[in-house]
Amino acid sequence: MKDAQSKLTKFQWKVLSVTSTIPLGETRSYQWVAQRIGSPKAVRAVGQALRRNPYPVIIPCHRVIHANGSLGGYAGRFDKRKAQLLNKERAIAAEMTKSVESARGAQ
């Protein structure tokens, strides 16, 4: 793990840090991430930083999409995995919301 950490730049760590704040079941744009790290014109660099994410299970880079709503790539490829992950997360988030609301109503 130390090798993966040491190969990332400060910029890349900023991108991953901001990305880790995106809630389950939600998405944000590459532009949103770029603005949050203080580099609003670095949209493509954000994408490259996400591509180098050494911890995709922990840092949800699949939650970052294009500003127009299209998905873009995942793990450097254009395939169905990103859409599948997002759909599963949205379903989980909806179920969690229902459970919380149900628990509140039972009190």
Protein backbone atom coordinates (compact mmCIF):
# COMPACT_ATOMS: atom_id res chain seq x y z
CA MET A 1 0.00 0.00 0.00
CA LYS A 2 2.83 2.38 0.72
CA ASP A 3 3.97 2.18 -2.92
CA ALA A 4 0.55 3.28 -4.17
CA GLN A 5 0.47 6.16 -1.70
CA SER A 6 3.94 7.41 -2.54
CA LYS A 7 3.24 7.47 -6.28
CA LEU A 8 0.40 9.98 -5.98
CA THR A 9 0.95 13.72 -6.17
CA LYS A 10 -0.56 16.24 -3.75
CA PHE A 11 -3.03 17.19 -6.48
CA GLN A 12 -4.12 13.57 -6.88
CA TRP A 13 -4.57 13.20 -3.12
CA LYS A 14 -6.75 16.33 -3.08
CA VAL A 15 -8.91 14.84 -5.82
CA LEU A 16 -9.28 11.55 -3.97
CA SER A 17 -10.00 13.31 -0.68
CA VAL A 18 -12.84 15.37 -2.18
CA THR A 19 -14.17 12.33 -4.04
CA SER A 20 -14.36 10.39 -0.79
CA THR A 21 -16.97 12.89 0.47
CA ILE A 22 -19.54 12.09 -2.23
CA PRO A 23 -22.45 10.34 -0.48
CA LEU A 24 -23.63 6.83 -1.30
CA GLY A 25 -26.12 6.84 -4.17
CA GLU A 26 -25.11 10.29 -5.40
CA THR A 27 -22.84 11.57 -8.14
CA ARG A 28 -20.84 14.73 -8.74
CA SER A 29 -19.18 16.04 -11.88
CA TYR A 30 -15.48 16.22 -12.67
CA GLN A 31 -16.02 20.00 -12.71
CA TRP A 32 -17.45 19.88 -9.17
CA VAL A 33 -14.35 18.04 -7.93
CA ALA A 34 -12.05 20.48 -9.73
CA GLN A 35 -13.81 23.44 -8.14
CA ARG A 36 -13.69 21.87 -4.66
CA ILE A 37 -9.93 21.42 -4.85
CA GLY A 38 -9.43 24.99 -6.00
CA SER A 39 -8.49 24.18 -9.60
CA PRO A 40 -11.66 24.82 -11.61
CA LYS A 41 -9.95 24.43 -14.98
CA ALA A 42 -8.32 21.10 -14.12
CA VAL A 43 -11.28 18.94 -15.13
CA ARG A 44 -9.25 16.54 -17.28
CA ALA A 45 -6.56 16.27 -14.63
CA VAL A 46 -9.26 15.29 -12.14
CA GLY A 47 -10.22 12.44 -14.45
CA GLN A 48 -6.61 11.31 -14.69
CA ALA A 49 -6.21 11.45 -10.91
CA LEU A 50 -9.32 9.32 -10.46
CA ARG A 51 -7.98 6.83 -12.96
CA ARG A 52 -4.96 6.34 -10.68
CA ASN A 53 -7.09 5.74 -7.58
CA PRO A 54 -5.29 2.97 -5.66
CA TYR A 55 -8.27 2.43 -3.33
CA PRO A 56 -11.42 2.15 -5.49
CA VAL A 57 -13.27 0.18 -2.81
CA ILE A 58 -12.73 2.99 -0.30
CA ILE A 59 -12.63 6.07 -2.54
CA PRO A 60 -15.66 5.94 -4.85
CA CYS A 61 -14.26 7.33 -8.09
CA HIS A 62 -17.22 5.80 -9.97
CA ARG A 63 -19.42 8.51 -8.41
CA VAL A 64 -17.75 11.18 -10.54
CA ILE A 65 -19.39 11.75 -13.91
CA HIS A 66 -19.45 14.32 -16.72
CA ALA A 67 -21.32 17.59 -16.13
CA ASN A 68 -23.82 16.60 -18.85
CA GLY A 69 -24.74 13.44 -16.91
CA SER A 70 -22.88 10.95 -19.09
CA LEU A 71 -20.78 8.48 -17.16
CA GLY A 72 -17.36 8.65 -18.75
CA GLY A 73 -14.87 5.90 -18.07
CA TYR A 74 -14.32 3.61 -15.12
CA ALA A 75 -10.92 2.20 -14.27
CA GLY A 76 -9.67 3.57 -17.56
CA ARG A 77 -12.29 1.73 -19.63
CA PHE A 78 -15.74 2.42 -20.95
CA ASP A 79 -17.88 -0.48 -19.86
CA LYS A 80 -21.03 -1.23 -17.92
CA ARG A 81 -19.42 -1.52 -14.48
CA LYS A 82 -19.72 2.16 -13.60
CA ALA A 83 -23.43 2.22 -14.43
CA GLN A 84 -24.00 -1.03 -12.55
CA LEU A 85 -22.23 0.25 -9.44
CA LEU A 86 -24.16 3.52 -9.49
CA ASN A 87 -27.49 1.72 -9.95
CA LYS A 88 -26.74 -0.65 -7.06
CA GLU A 89 -25.69 2.24 -4.83
CA ARG A 90 -28.84 4.21 -5.64
CA ALA A 91 -30.95 1.18 -4.74
CA ILE A 92 -29.06 0.69 -1.48
CA ALA A 93 -29.35 4.38 -0.59
CA ALA A 94 -33.11 4.33 -1.31
CA GLU A 95 -33.56 1.25 0.86
CA MET A 96 -31.54 2.82 3.67
CA THR A 97 -33.68 5.96 3.48
CA LYS A 98 -36.88 3.89 3.66
CA SER A 99 -35.52 1.98 6.66
CA VAL A 100 -34.60 5.16 8.51
CA GLU A 101 -37.98 6.74 7.77
CA SER A 102 -39.76 3.58 8.88
CA ALA A 103 -37.76 3.50 12.11
CA ARG A 104 -38.60 7.14 12.80
CA GLY A 105 -42.29 6.47 12.24
CA ALA A 106 -42.21 3.54 14.67
CA GLN A 107 -40.93 5.71 17.51
